[in-house]
Amino acid sequence: MALTFTKHEKISLKRHMQFDEKWLQDRIAEDPSILGLGELELRAVEKIQPKAGRLDLLFKDPETDRRYEVELMLGTVDASHIIRTLEYWDIERKRYPQYDHCAVIVAEEITSRFLNVIGLFNSAIPIIAIQLNALRVGDSILLNFTKVLDEIILGDDEDEPREEPADRAYWEKKASPESLAVLDACMKTLREIEPGCEPKYNKYEVGLLINGHTDNFVVFSPKKKFLGIAARVPDSEAWRERFDGVSLVLNQAKAGKRLRFTTTAAALQENHEMVKEIFAAARQGEENGD
């Protein structure tokens, strides 16, 4: 059927008698995908924060277990809502340090002044700013969410890792014995490529020792339900195309020269040869200086 042009009218939810913040909150809770952050799952609505009010919405990414702390505001964003967004993010990440967290502020208008302010935080804090446009089309209302500030993916620094020493027991508590078992399976695969390979447990990631020397051509981030892997491969874009249709989960954010993905025990078993190829490519690239 041919499409026809229909004129729309922009409306302000803040000044509208029928639609308020609770109505907006309910629409997002019903279908989190309208935010444009992926297929998220709702974890909580109006979550009480100790001595700090209520978090409007809490979502999680079912593939990575990442948490999104979402603050809503009708009208033009102001300083108090920015502070509240950061405060709720900070509380949640301290209460649940085993997960990655991202702050999200949604407002009908985000002026250049406050966009610059949010951008200043963005170099140190994962924060996303989304502007909402409510449009009347005939007898219907359309909600259009536009990401005006995305989180900054920091550069690749695994060659200078944050080497605060840890041990296996630390990671079994922070992550889980199950994800450590997946790490063990990956190490077994790595030893098929580099026999002298051993894990090097640090507080922020698990790197590699090759014959006693640090060589992080692959680093690992154990989580509760899965294992994060970052491999330095020469052509990460070509590798990204190979993730279509496999049970390994590709991290869509592009950062540095690392190919980042997550796996479970089952996914690793199903895709053992592909993972081995990735490890081999990373090792070869390291030797060639790529």
C-alpha atoms as a PDB file:
ATOM      1  CA  MET A   1       0.000   0.000   0.000  1.00  0.00           C
ATOM      2  CA  ALA A   2       1.340   3.436  -0.941  1.00  0.00           C
ATOM      3  CA  LEU A   3       2.337   5.746   1.888  1.00  0.00           C
ATOM      4  CA  THR A   4       0.619   9.116   2.211  1.00  0.00           C
ATOM      5  CA  PHE A   5       1.889  12.301   3.821  1.00  0.00           C
ATOM      6  CA  THR A   6       0.228  13.323   7.086  1.00  0.00           C
ATOM      7  CA  LYS A   7       1.012  16.582   8.810  1.00  0.00           C
ATOM      8  CA  HIS A   8       1.917  16.353  12.474  1.00  0.00           C
ATOM      9  CA  GLU A   9       1.764  18.783  15.379  1.00  0.00           C
ATOM     10  CA  LYS A  10       4.423  18.927  18.062  1.00  0.00           C
ATOM     11  CA  ILE A  11       2.940  19.006  21.552  1.00  0.00           C
ATOM     12  CA  SER A  12       4.373  19.576  25.019  1.00  0.00           C
ATOM     13  CA  LEU A  13       3.625  16.803  27.494  1.00  0.00           C
ATOM     14  CA  LYS A  14       4.469  19.157  30.340  1.00  0.00           C
ATOM     15  CA  ARG A  15       1.671  21.535  29.356  1.00  0.00           C
ATOM     16  CA  HIS A  16      -0.803  18.882  28.250  1.00  0.00           C
ATOM     17  CA  MET A  17      -3.769  18.084  30.490  1.00  0.00           C
ATOM     18  CA  GLN A  18      -4.020  14.422  29.476  1.00  0.00           C
ATOM     19  CA  PHE A  19      -0.404  13.257  29.335  1.00  0.00           C
ATOM     20  CA  ASP A  20       1.893  13.530  32.354  1.00  0.00           C
ATOM     21  CA  GLU A  21       5.171  11.997  33.489  1.00  0.00           C
ATOM     22  CA  LYS A  22       3.437   8.922  34.921  1.00  0.00           C
ATOM     23  CA  TRP A  23       1.786   8.318  31.539  1.00  0.00           C
ATOM     24  CA  LEU A  24       5.186   8.612  29.810  1.00  0.00           C
ATOM     25  CA  GLN A  25       6.764   6.306  32.389  1.00  0.00           C
ATOM     26  CA  ASP A  26       4.079   3.676  31.755  1.00  0.00           C
ATOM     27  CA  ARG A  27       4.575   3.810  27.975  1.00  0.00           C
ATOM     28  CA  ILE A  28       8.326   3.274  28.299  1.00  0.00           C
ATOM     29  CA  ALA A  29       7.843   0.511  30.882  1.00  0.00           C
ATOM     30  CA  GLU A  30       5.433  -1.274  28.523  1.00  0.00           C
ATOM     31  CA  ASP A  31       7.885  -1.161  25.619  1.00  0.00           C
ATOM     32  CA  PRO A  32      11.461  -0.179  26.578  1.00  0.00           C
ATOM     33  CA  SER A  33      12.609  -0.558  22.954  1.00  0.00           C
ATOM     34  CA  ILE A  34      11.087   2.848  22.123  1.00  0.00           C
ATOM     35  CA  LEU A  35      14.067   4.456  23.867  1.00  0.00           C
ATOM     36  CA  GLY A  36      16.341   3.154  21.130  1.00  0.00           C
ATOM     37  CA  LEU A  37      18.725   1.407  23.535  1.00  0.00           C
ATOM     38  CA  GLY A  38      17.991  -2.127  22.374  1.00  0.00           C
ATOM     39  CA  GLU A  39      15.717  -4.882  23.654  1.00  0.00           C
ATOM     40  CA  LEU A  40      15.882  -4.037  27.340  1.00  0.00           C
ATOM     41  CA  GLU A  41      13.971  -5.673  30.175  1.00  0.00           C
ATOM     42  CA  LEU A  42      12.204  -3.716  32.903  1.00  0.00           C
ATOM     43  CA  ARG A  43      13.662  -4.311  36.366  1.00  0.00           C
ATOM     44  CA  ALA A  44      11.905  -1.669  38.464  1.00  0.00           C
ATOM     45  CA  VAL A  45       9.633   1.379  38.368  1.00  0.00           C
ATOM     46  CA  GLU A  46       9.974   4.150  40.964  1.00  0.00           C
ATOM     47  CA  LYS A  47      12.729   2.244  42.742  1.00  0.00           C
ATOM     48  CA  ILE A  48      13.330   3.734  46.176  1.00  0.00           C
ATOM     49  CA  GLN A  49      16.875   5.039  46.658  1.00  0.00           C
ATOM     50  CA  PRO A  50      18.257   5.360  50.211  1.00  0.00           C
ATOM     51  CA  LYS A  51      17.841   9.016  51.255  1.00  0.00           C
ATOM     52  CA  ALA A  52      17.684  10.041  47.593  1.00  0.00           C
ATOM     53  CA  GLY A  53      14.151   9.749  46.261  1.00  0.00           C
ATOM     54  CA  ARG A  54      13.012   7.295  43.584  1.00  0.00           C
ATOM     55  CA  LEU A  55      14.630   6.087  40.388  1.00  0.00           C
ATOM     56  CA  ASP A  56      12.062   6.466  37.598  1.00  0.00           C
ATOM     57  CA  LEU A  57      12.986   3.343  35.631  1.00  0.00           C
ATOM     58  CA  LEU A  58      15.595   0.612  35.876  1.00  0.00           C
ATOM     59  CA  PHE A  59      16.281  -1.618  32.877  1.00  0.00           C
ATOM     60  CA  LYS A  60      18.710  -4.395  32.102  1.00  0.00           C
ATOM     61  CA  ASP A  61      20.155  -5.748  28.890  1.00  0.00           C
ATOM     62  CA  PRO A  62      19.337  -9.501  29.000  1.00  0.00           C
ATOM     63  CA  GLU A  63      22.376 -10.365  26.882  1.00  0.00           C
ATOM     64  CA  THR A  64      25.006  -8.514  28.907  1.00  0.00           C
ATOM     65  CA  ASP A  65      23.224  -7.918  32.250  1.00  0.00           C
ATOM     66  CA  ARG A  66      24.094  -4.235  31.944  1.00  0.00           C
ATOM     67  CA  ARG A  67      21.855  -1.893  33.977  1.00  0.00           C
ATOM     68  CA  TYR A  68      20.353   1.377  32.712  1.00  0.00           C
ATOM     69  CA  GLU A  69      19.267   3.916  35.341  1.00  0.00           C
ATOM     70  CA  VAL A  70      16.704   6.159  33.615  1.00  0.00           C
ATOM     71  CA  GLU A  71      15.514   9.555  34.851  1.00  0.00           C
ATOM     72  CA  LEU A  72      12.548  11.239  33.118  1.00  0.00           C
ATOM     73  CA  MET A  73      11.712  14.926  32.905  1.00  0.00           C
ATOM     74  CA  LEU A  74       8.938  16.741  31.081  1.00  0.00           C
ATOM     75  CA  GLY A  75       9.860  20.130  29.658  1.00  0.00           C
ATOM     76  CA  THR A  76      13.418  21.469  29.592  1.00  0.00           C
ATOM     77  CA  VAL A  77      16.082  19.560  31.488  1.00  0.00           C
ATOM     78  CA  ASP A  78      17.516  21.314  34.529  1.00  0.00           C
ATOM     79  CA  ALA A  79      20.518  20.948  36.803  1.00  0.00           C
ATOM     80  CA  SER A  80      18.632  19.123  39.564  1.00  0.00           C
ATOM     81  CA  HIS A  81      17.551  16.331  37.200  1.00  0.00           C
ATOM     82  CA  ILE A  82      21.083  15.940  35.850  1.00  0.00           C
ATOM     83  CA  ILE A  83      22.409  15.631  39.404  1.00  0.00           C
ATOM     84  CA  ARG A  84      19.637  13.182  40.276  1.00  0.00           C
ATOM     85  CA  THR A  85      20.469  11.050  37.237  1.00  0.00           C
ATOM     86  CA  LEU A  86      24.121  10.824  38.251  1.00  0.00           C
ATOM     87  CA  GLU A  87      23.249  10.219  41.898  1.00  0.00           C
ATOM     88  CA  TYR A  88      20.948   7.281  41.138  1.00  0.00           C
ATOM     89  CA  TRP A  89      23.526   5.793  38.778  1.00  0.00           C
ATOM     90  CA  ASP A  90      26.183   6.065  41.486  1.00  0.00           C
ATOM     91  CA  ILE A  91      23.974   4.456  44.138  1.00  0.00           C
ATOM     92  CA  GLU A  92      23.054   1.527  41.905  1.00  0.00           C
ATOM     93  CA  ARG A  93      26.607   0.842  40.727  1.00  0.00           C
ATOM     94  CA  LYS A  94      27.873   0.817  44.315  1.00  0.00           C
ATOM     95  CA  ARG A  95      25.080  -1.516  45.444  1.00  0.00           C
ATOM     96  CA  TYR A  96      25.548  -3.860  42.493  1.00  0.00           C
ATOM     97  CA  PRO A  97      29.204  -3.607  41.405  1.00  0.00           C
ATOM     98  CA  GLN A  98      29.055  -6.944  39.578  1.00  0.00           C
ATOM     99  CA  TYR A  99      27.134  -5.245  36.735  1.00  0.00           C
ATOM    100  CA  ASP A 100      28.006  -2.510  34.281  1.00  0.00           C
ATOM    101  CA  HIS A 101      25.797   0.563  34.710  1.00  0.00           C
ATOM    102  CA  CYS A 102      24.791   3.439  32.443  1.00  0.00           C
ATOM    103  CA  ALA A 103      22.954   6.639  33.420  1.00  0.00           C
ATOM    104  CA  VAL A 104      20.191   7.815  31.073  1.00  0.00           C
ATOM    105  CA  ILE A 105      18.363  11.140  31.174  1.00  0.00           C
ATOM    106  CA  VAL A 106      15.241  11.647  29.047  1.00  0.00           C
ATOM    107  CA  ALA A 107      13.711  15.104  28.615  1.00  0.00           C
ATOM    108  CA  GLU A 108      11.506  16.956  26.157  1.00  0.00           C
ATOM    109  CA  GLU A 109      14.174  19.585  25.604  1.00  0.00           C
ATOM    110  CA  ILE A 110      17.899  19.423  26.258  1.00  0.00           C
ATOM    111  CA  THR A 111      19.434  22.838  25.618  1.00  0.00           C
ATOM    112  CA  SER A 112      22.970  23.258  24.300  1.00  0.00           C
ATOM    113  CA  ARG A 113      24.025  24.636  27.679  1.00  0.00           C
ATOM    114  CA  PHE A 114      23.029  21.527  29.602  1.00  0.00           C
ATOM    115  CA  LEU A 115      24.136  19.261  26.780  1.00  0.00           C
ATOM    116  CA  ASN A 116      27.634  20.703  27.230  1.00  0.00           C
ATOM    117  CA  VAL A 117      27.400  20.127  30.984  1.00  0.00           C
ATOM    118  CA  ILE A 118      26.363  16.498  30.515  1.00  0.00           C
ATOM    119  CA  GLY A 119      29.162  16.114  27.972  1.00  0.00           C
ATOM    120  CA  LEU A 120      31.705  17.153  30.611  1.00  0.00           C
ATOM    121  CA  PHE A 121      30.625  14.229  32.793  1.00  0.00           C
ATOM    122  CA  ASN A 122      30.559  11.881  29.819  1.00  0.00           C
ATOM    123  CA  SER A 123      34.329  11.501  29.675  1.00  0.00           C
ATOM    124  CA  ALA A 124      34.291   9.866  33.119  1.00  0.00           C
ATOM    125  CA  ILE A 125      30.732   8.551  33.554  1.00  0.00           C
ATOM    126  CA  PRO A 126      28.733   6.419  31.097  1.00  0.00           C
ATOM    127  CA  ILE A 127      25.736   8.669  30.450  1.00  0.00           C
ATOM    128  CA  ILE A 128      23.243   8.940  27.602  1.00  0.00           C
ATOM    129  CA  ALA A 129      20.982  11.939  26.946  1.00  0.00           C
ATOM    130  CA  ILE A 130      17.744  11.353  25.017  1.00  0.00           C
ATOM    131  CA  GLN A 131      15.425  14.090  23.773  1.00  0.00           C
ATOM    132  CA  LEU A 132      11.743  13.253  23.497  1.00  0.00           C
ATOM    133  CA  ASN A 133       9.475  14.734  20.849  1.00  0.00           C
ATOM    134  CA  ALA A 134       5.741  14.143  21.323  1.00  0.00           C
ATOM    135  CA  LEU A 135       3.877  14.472  18.028  1.00  0.00           C
ATOM    136  CA  ARG A 136       0.156  14.531  17.383  1.00  0.00           C
ATOM    137  CA  VAL A 137      -0.776  12.737  14.161  1.00  0.00           C
ATOM    138  CA  GLY A 138      -4.518  12.845  13.578  1.00  0.00           C
ATOM    139  CA  ASP A 139      -6.134  11.432  16.696  1.00  0.00           C
ATOM    140  CA  SER A 140      -2.958   9.643  17.805  1.00  0.00           C
ATOM    141  CA  ILE A 141       0.166  10.638  19.701  1.00  0.00           C
ATOM    142  CA  LEU A 142       3.608   9.534  18.603  1.00  0.00           C
ATOM    143  CA  LEU A 143       6.660   9.493  20.866  1.00  0.00           C
ATOM    144  CA  ASN A 144       9.971  10.013  19.097  1.00  0.00           C
ATOM    145  CA  PHE A 145      13.133   9.477  21.149  1.00  0.00           C
ATOM    146  CA  THR A 146      16.394  10.896  19.776  1.00  0.00           C
ATOM    147  CA  LYS A 147      19.768  10.178  21.330  1.00  0.00           C
ATOM    148  CA  VAL A 148      21.475  13.596  21.486  1.00  0.00           C
ATOM    149  CA  LEU A 149      24.460  12.432  23.528  1.00  0.00           C
ATOM    150  CA  ASP A 150      25.833   8.911  23.525  1.00  0.00           C
ATOM    151  CA  GLU A 151      28.211   7.482  26.057  1.00  0.00           C
ATOM    152  CA  ILE A 152      31.878   7.763  25.222  1.00  0.00           C
ATOM    153  CA  ILE A 153      33.566   4.441  24.601  1.00  0.00           C
ATOM    154  CA  LEU A 154      37.029   4.949  25.999  1.00  0.00           C
ATOM    155  CA  GLY A 155      40.098   4.051  24.004  1.00  0.00           C
ATOM    156  CA  ASP A 156      41.820   0.719  24.136  1.00  0.00           C
ATOM    157  CA  ASP A 157      44.222   0.622  27.078  1.00  0.00           C
ATOM    158  CA  GLU A 158      44.624  -3.085  27.732  1.00  0.00           C
ATOM    159  CA  ASP A 159      48.315  -2.882  26.832  1.00  0.00           C
ATOM    160  CA  GLU A 160      48.689  -0.779  29.976  1.00  0.00           C
ATOM    161  CA  PRO A 161      46.257  -2.686  32.186  1.00  0.00           C
ATOM    162  CA  ARG A 162      45.117  -1.571  35.610  1.00  0.00           C
ATOM    163  CA  GLU A 163      47.210  -4.187  37.319  1.00  0.00           C
ATOM    164  CA  GLU A 164      45.907  -4.164  40.838  1.00  0.00           C
ATOM    165  CA  PRO A 165      46.620  -7.781  41.734  1.00  0.00           C
ATOM    166  CA  ALA A 166      43.798 -10.167  42.520  1.00  0.00           C
ATOM    167  CA  ASP A 167      43.378 -13.930  42.560  1.00  0.00           C
ATOM    168  CA  ARG A 168      40.932 -16.569  41.402  1.00  0.00           C
ATOM    169  CA  ALA A 169      38.972 -16.480  44.674  1.00  0.00           C
ATOM    170  CA  TYR A 170      38.376 -12.735  44.175  1.00  0.00           C
ATOM    171  CA  TRP A 171      36.860 -13.372  40.744  1.00  0.00           C
ATOM    172  CA  GLU A 172      34.792 -16.344  41.895  1.00  0.00           C
ATOM    173  CA  LYS A 173      33.165 -14.019  44.432  1.00  0.00           C
ATOM    174  CA  LYS A 174      32.838 -11.006  42.114  1.00  0.00           C
ATOM    175  CA  ALA A 175      31.629 -13.057  39.139  1.00  0.00           C
ATOM    176  CA  SER A 176      30.764 -16.736  39.605  1.00  0.00           C
ATOM    177  CA  PRO A 177      32.384 -20.182  39.520  1.00  0.00           C
ATOM    178  CA  GLU A 178      30.410 -20.838  36.316  1.00  0.00           C
ATOM    179  CA  SER A 179      31.950 -17.922  34.423  1.00  0.00           C
ATOM    180  CA  LEU A 180      35.393 -18.912  35.740  1.00  0.00           C
ATOM    181  CA  ALA A 181      34.802 -22.368  34.276  1.00  0.00           C
ATOM    182  CA  VAL A 182      34.180 -20.690  30.904  1.00  0.00           C
ATOM    183  CA  LEU A 183      37.437 -18.786  31.398  1.00  0.00           C
ATOM    184  CA  ASP A 184      39.213 -22.094  32.053  1.00  0.00           C
ATOM    185  CA  ALA A 185      37.834 -23.473  28.785  1.00  0.00           C
ATOM    186  CA  CYS A 186      39.104 -20.385  26.951  1.00  0.00           C
ATOM    187  CA  MET A 187      42.534 -20.801  28.525  1.00  0.00           C
ATOM    188  CA  LYS A 188      42.594 -24.413  27.344  1.00  0.00           C
ATOM    189  CA  THR A 189      41.882 -23.183  23.812  1.00  0.00           C
ATOM    190  CA  LEU A 190      44.574 -20.503  24.100  1.00  0.00           C
ATOM    191  CA  ARG A 191      47.144 -23.112  25.138  1.00  0.00           C
ATOM    192  CA  GLU A 192      46.483 -24.920  21.865  1.00  0.00           C
ATOM    193  CA  ILE A 193      47.827 -21.753  20.219  1.00  0.00           C
ATOM    194  CA  GLU A 194      50.349 -20.623  22.841  1.00  0.00           C
ATOM    195  CA  PRO A 195      51.359 -23.459  25.234  1.00  0.00           C
ATOM    196  CA  GLY A 196      52.934 -21.135  27.818  1.00  0.00           C
ATOM    197  CA  CYS A 197      49.735 -19.128  28.340  1.00  0.00           C
ATOM    198  CA  GLU A 198      48.379 -18.548  31.865  1.00  0.00           C
ATOM    199  CA  PRO A 199      45.686 -16.241  33.305  1.00  0.00           C
ATOM    200  CA  LYS A 200      46.789 -13.114  35.147  1.00  0.00           C
ATOM    201  CA  TYR A 201      44.120 -12.103  37.661  1.00  0.00           C
ATOM    202  CA  ASN A 202      43.749  -8.346  38.179  1.00  0.00           C
ATOM    203  CA  LYS A 203      40.942  -6.449  39.903  1.00  0.00           C
ATOM    204  CA  TYR A 204      39.411  -5.093  36.706  1.00  0.00           C
ATOM    205  CA  GLU A 205      40.069  -7.846  34.186  1.00  0.00           C
ATOM    206  CA  VAL A 206      41.885 -11.105  33.667  1.00  0.00           C
ATOM    207  CA  GLY A 207      44.855 -10.706  31.360  1.00  0.00           C
ATOM    208  CA  LEU A 208      47.443 -13.137  30.056  1.00  0.00           C
ATOM    209  CA  LEU A 209      50.923 -14.224  30.997  1.00  0.00           C
ATOM    210  CA  ILE A 210      53.075 -15.787  28.268  1.00  0.00           C
ATOM    211  CA  ASN A 211      56.016 -17.607  29.820  1.00  0.00           C
ATOM    212  CA  GLY A 212      55.761 -15.284  32.814  1.00  0.00           C
ATOM    213  CA  HIS A 213      55.436 -12.023  30.855  1.00  0.00           C
ATOM    214  CA  THR A 214      52.289  -9.913  30.390  1.00  0.00           C
ATOM    215  CA  ASP A 215      50.895 -10.161  26.851  1.00  0.00           C
ATOM    216  CA  ASN A 216      47.273  -9.059  26.677  1.00  0.00           C
ATOM    217  CA  PHE A 217      46.335  -9.927  23.115  1.00  0.00           C
ATOM    218  CA  VAL A 218      43.157 -11.262  24.741  1.00  0.00           C
ATOM    219  CA  VAL A 219      41.615 -10.054  28.013  1.00  0.00           C
ATOM    220  CA  PHE A 220      38.619 -11.406  29.906  1.00  0.00           C
ATOM    221  CA  SER A 221      35.877  -9.856  32.048  1.00  0.00           C
ATOM    222  CA  PRO A 222      34.052 -12.562  34.028  1.00  0.00           C
ATOM    223  CA  LYS A 223      30.456 -11.692  34.995  1.00  0.00           C
ATOM    224  CA  LYS A 224      27.785 -13.556  36.954  1.00  0.00           C
ATOM    225  CA  LYS A 225      26.193 -15.303  33.967  1.00  0.00           C
ATOM    226  CA  PHE A 226      28.694 -14.962  31.147  1.00  0.00           C
ATOM    227  CA  LEU A 227      32.294 -14.195  30.208  1.00  0.00           C
ATOM    228  CA  GLY A 228      33.298 -11.020  28.400  1.00  0.00           C
ATOM    229  CA  ILE A 229      36.150 -11.352  25.893  1.00  0.00           C
ATOM    230  CA  ALA A 230      38.162  -8.613  24.169  1.00  0.00           C
ATOM    231  CA  ALA A 231      40.596  -9.802  21.485  1.00  0.00           C
ATOM    232  CA  ARG A 232      42.997  -7.562  19.581  1.00  0.00           C
ATOM    233  CA  VAL A 233      42.474  -8.730  15.991  1.00  0.00           C
ATOM    234  CA  PRO A 234      43.945  -7.027  12.883  1.00  0.00           C
ATOM    235  CA  ASP A 235      40.597  -6.572  11.080  1.00  0.00           C
ATOM    236  CA  SER A 236      37.846  -6.307  13.675  1.00  0.00           C
ATOM    237  CA  GLU A 237      35.230  -5.144  11.128  1.00  0.00           C
ATOM    238  CA  ALA A 238      35.573  -8.336   9.082  1.00  0.00           C
ATOM    239  CA  TRP A 239      35.209 -10.393  12.243  1.00  0.00           C
ATOM    240  CA  ARG A 240      32.120  -8.484  13.345  1.00  0.00           C
ATOM    241  CA  GLU A 241      30.309  -9.648  10.212  1.00  0.00           C
ATOM    242  CA  ARG A 242      30.848 -13.265  11.228  1.00  0.00           C
ATOM    243  CA  PHE A 243      28.763 -12.905  14.396  1.00  0.00           C
ATOM    244  CA  ASP A 244      25.460 -12.969  12.528  1.00  0.00           C
ATOM    245  CA  GLY A 245      23.555 -16.139  13.385  1.00  0.00           C
ATOM    246  CA  VAL A 246      25.902 -17.408  16.110  1.00  0.00           C
ATOM    247  CA  SER A 247      25.213 -17.702  19.836  1.00  0.00           C
ATOM    248  CA  LEU A 248      28.212 -15.562  20.761  1.00  0.00           C
ATOM    249  CA  VAL A 249      26.993 -12.027  21.578  1.00  0.00           C
ATOM    250  CA  LEU A 250      28.864  -9.218  19.852  1.00  0.00           C
ATOM    251  CA  ASN A 251      29.322  -5.961  21.732  1.00  0.00           C
ATOM    252  CA  GLN A 252      27.921  -3.396  19.295  1.00  0.00           C
ATOM    253  CA  ALA A 253      30.041  -0.572  20.708  1.00  0.00           C
ATOM    254  CA  LYS A 254      33.236  -0.153  18.726  1.00  0.00           C
ATOM    255  CA  ALA A 255      36.265   0.615  20.862  1.00  0.00           C
ATOM    256  CA  GLY A 256      39.879   0.724  19.762  1.00  0.00           C
ATOM    257  CA  LYS A 257      41.236  -2.344  18.031  1.00  0.00           C
ATOM    258  CA  ARG A 258      39.487  -4.853  20.252  1.00  0.00           C
ATOM    259  CA  LEU A 259      36.797  -7.242  19.100  1.00  0.00           C
ATOM    260  CA  ARG A 260      34.491  -7.487  22.108  1.00  0.00           C
ATOM    261  CA  PHE A 261      31.930 -10.214  22.686  1.00  0.00           C
ATOM    262  CA  THR A 262      30.425 -12.368  25.416  1.00  0.00           C
ATOM    263  CA  THR A 263      29.967 -16.099  25.742  1.00  0.00           C
ATOM    264  CA  THR A 264      28.456 -18.725  27.976  1.00  0.00           C
ATOM    265  CA  ALA A 265      29.627 -22.319  28.359  1.00  0.00           C
ATOM    266  CA  ALA A 266      27.065 -23.500  25.799  1.00  0.00           C
ATOM    267  CA  ALA A 267      27.913 -20.752  23.292  1.00  0.00           C
ATOM    268  CA  LEU A 268      31.628 -21.482  23.631  1.00  0.00           C
ATOM    269  CA  GLN A 269      31.062 -25.168  22.969  1.00  0.00           C
ATOM    270  CA  GLU A 270      28.921 -24.390  19.905  1.00  0.00           C
ATOM    271  CA  ASN A 271      31.438 -21.910  18.505  1.00  0.00           C
ATOM    272  CA  HIS A 272      34.726 -23.367  19.684  1.00  0.00           C
ATOM    273  CA  GLU A 273      36.404 -23.236  16.276  1.00  0.00           C
ATOM    274  CA  MET A 274      35.385 -19.619  15.683  1.00  0.00           C
ATOM    275  CA  VAL A 275      36.674 -18.551  19.097  1.00  0.00           C
ATOM    276  CA  LYS A 276      39.917 -20.413  18.463  1.00  0.00           C
ATOM    277  CA  GLU A 277      40.268 -18.581  15.133  1.00  0.00           C
ATOM    278  CA  ILE A 278      39.764 -15.251  16.898  1.00  0.00           C
ATOM    279  CA  PHE A 279      42.398 -16.092  19.508  1.00  0.00           C
ATOM    280  CA  ALA A 280      44.816 -17.240  16.812  1.00  0.00           C
ATOM    281  CA  ALA A 281      44.255 -14.068  14.772  1.00  0.00           C
ATOM    282  CA  ALA A 282      44.861 -11.941  17.870  1.00  0.00           C
ATOM    283  CA  ARG A 283      48.082 -13.816  18.655  1.00  0.00           C
ATOM    284  CA  GLN A 284      49.309 -13.582  15.075  1.00  0.00           C
ATOM    285  CA  GLY A 285      48.485  -9.883  14.944  1.00  0.00           C
ATOM    286  CA  GLU A 286      50.445  -9.332  18.152  1.00  0.00           C
ATOM    287  CA  GLU A 287      53.487 -11.078  16.702  1.00  0.00           C
ATOM    288  CA  ASN A 288      53.225  -9.063  13.469  1.00  0.00           C
ATOM    289  CA  GLY A 289      52.809  -5.799  15.355  1.00  0.00           C
ATOM    290  CA  ASP A 290      49.327  -5.112  13.913  1.00  0.00           C
END
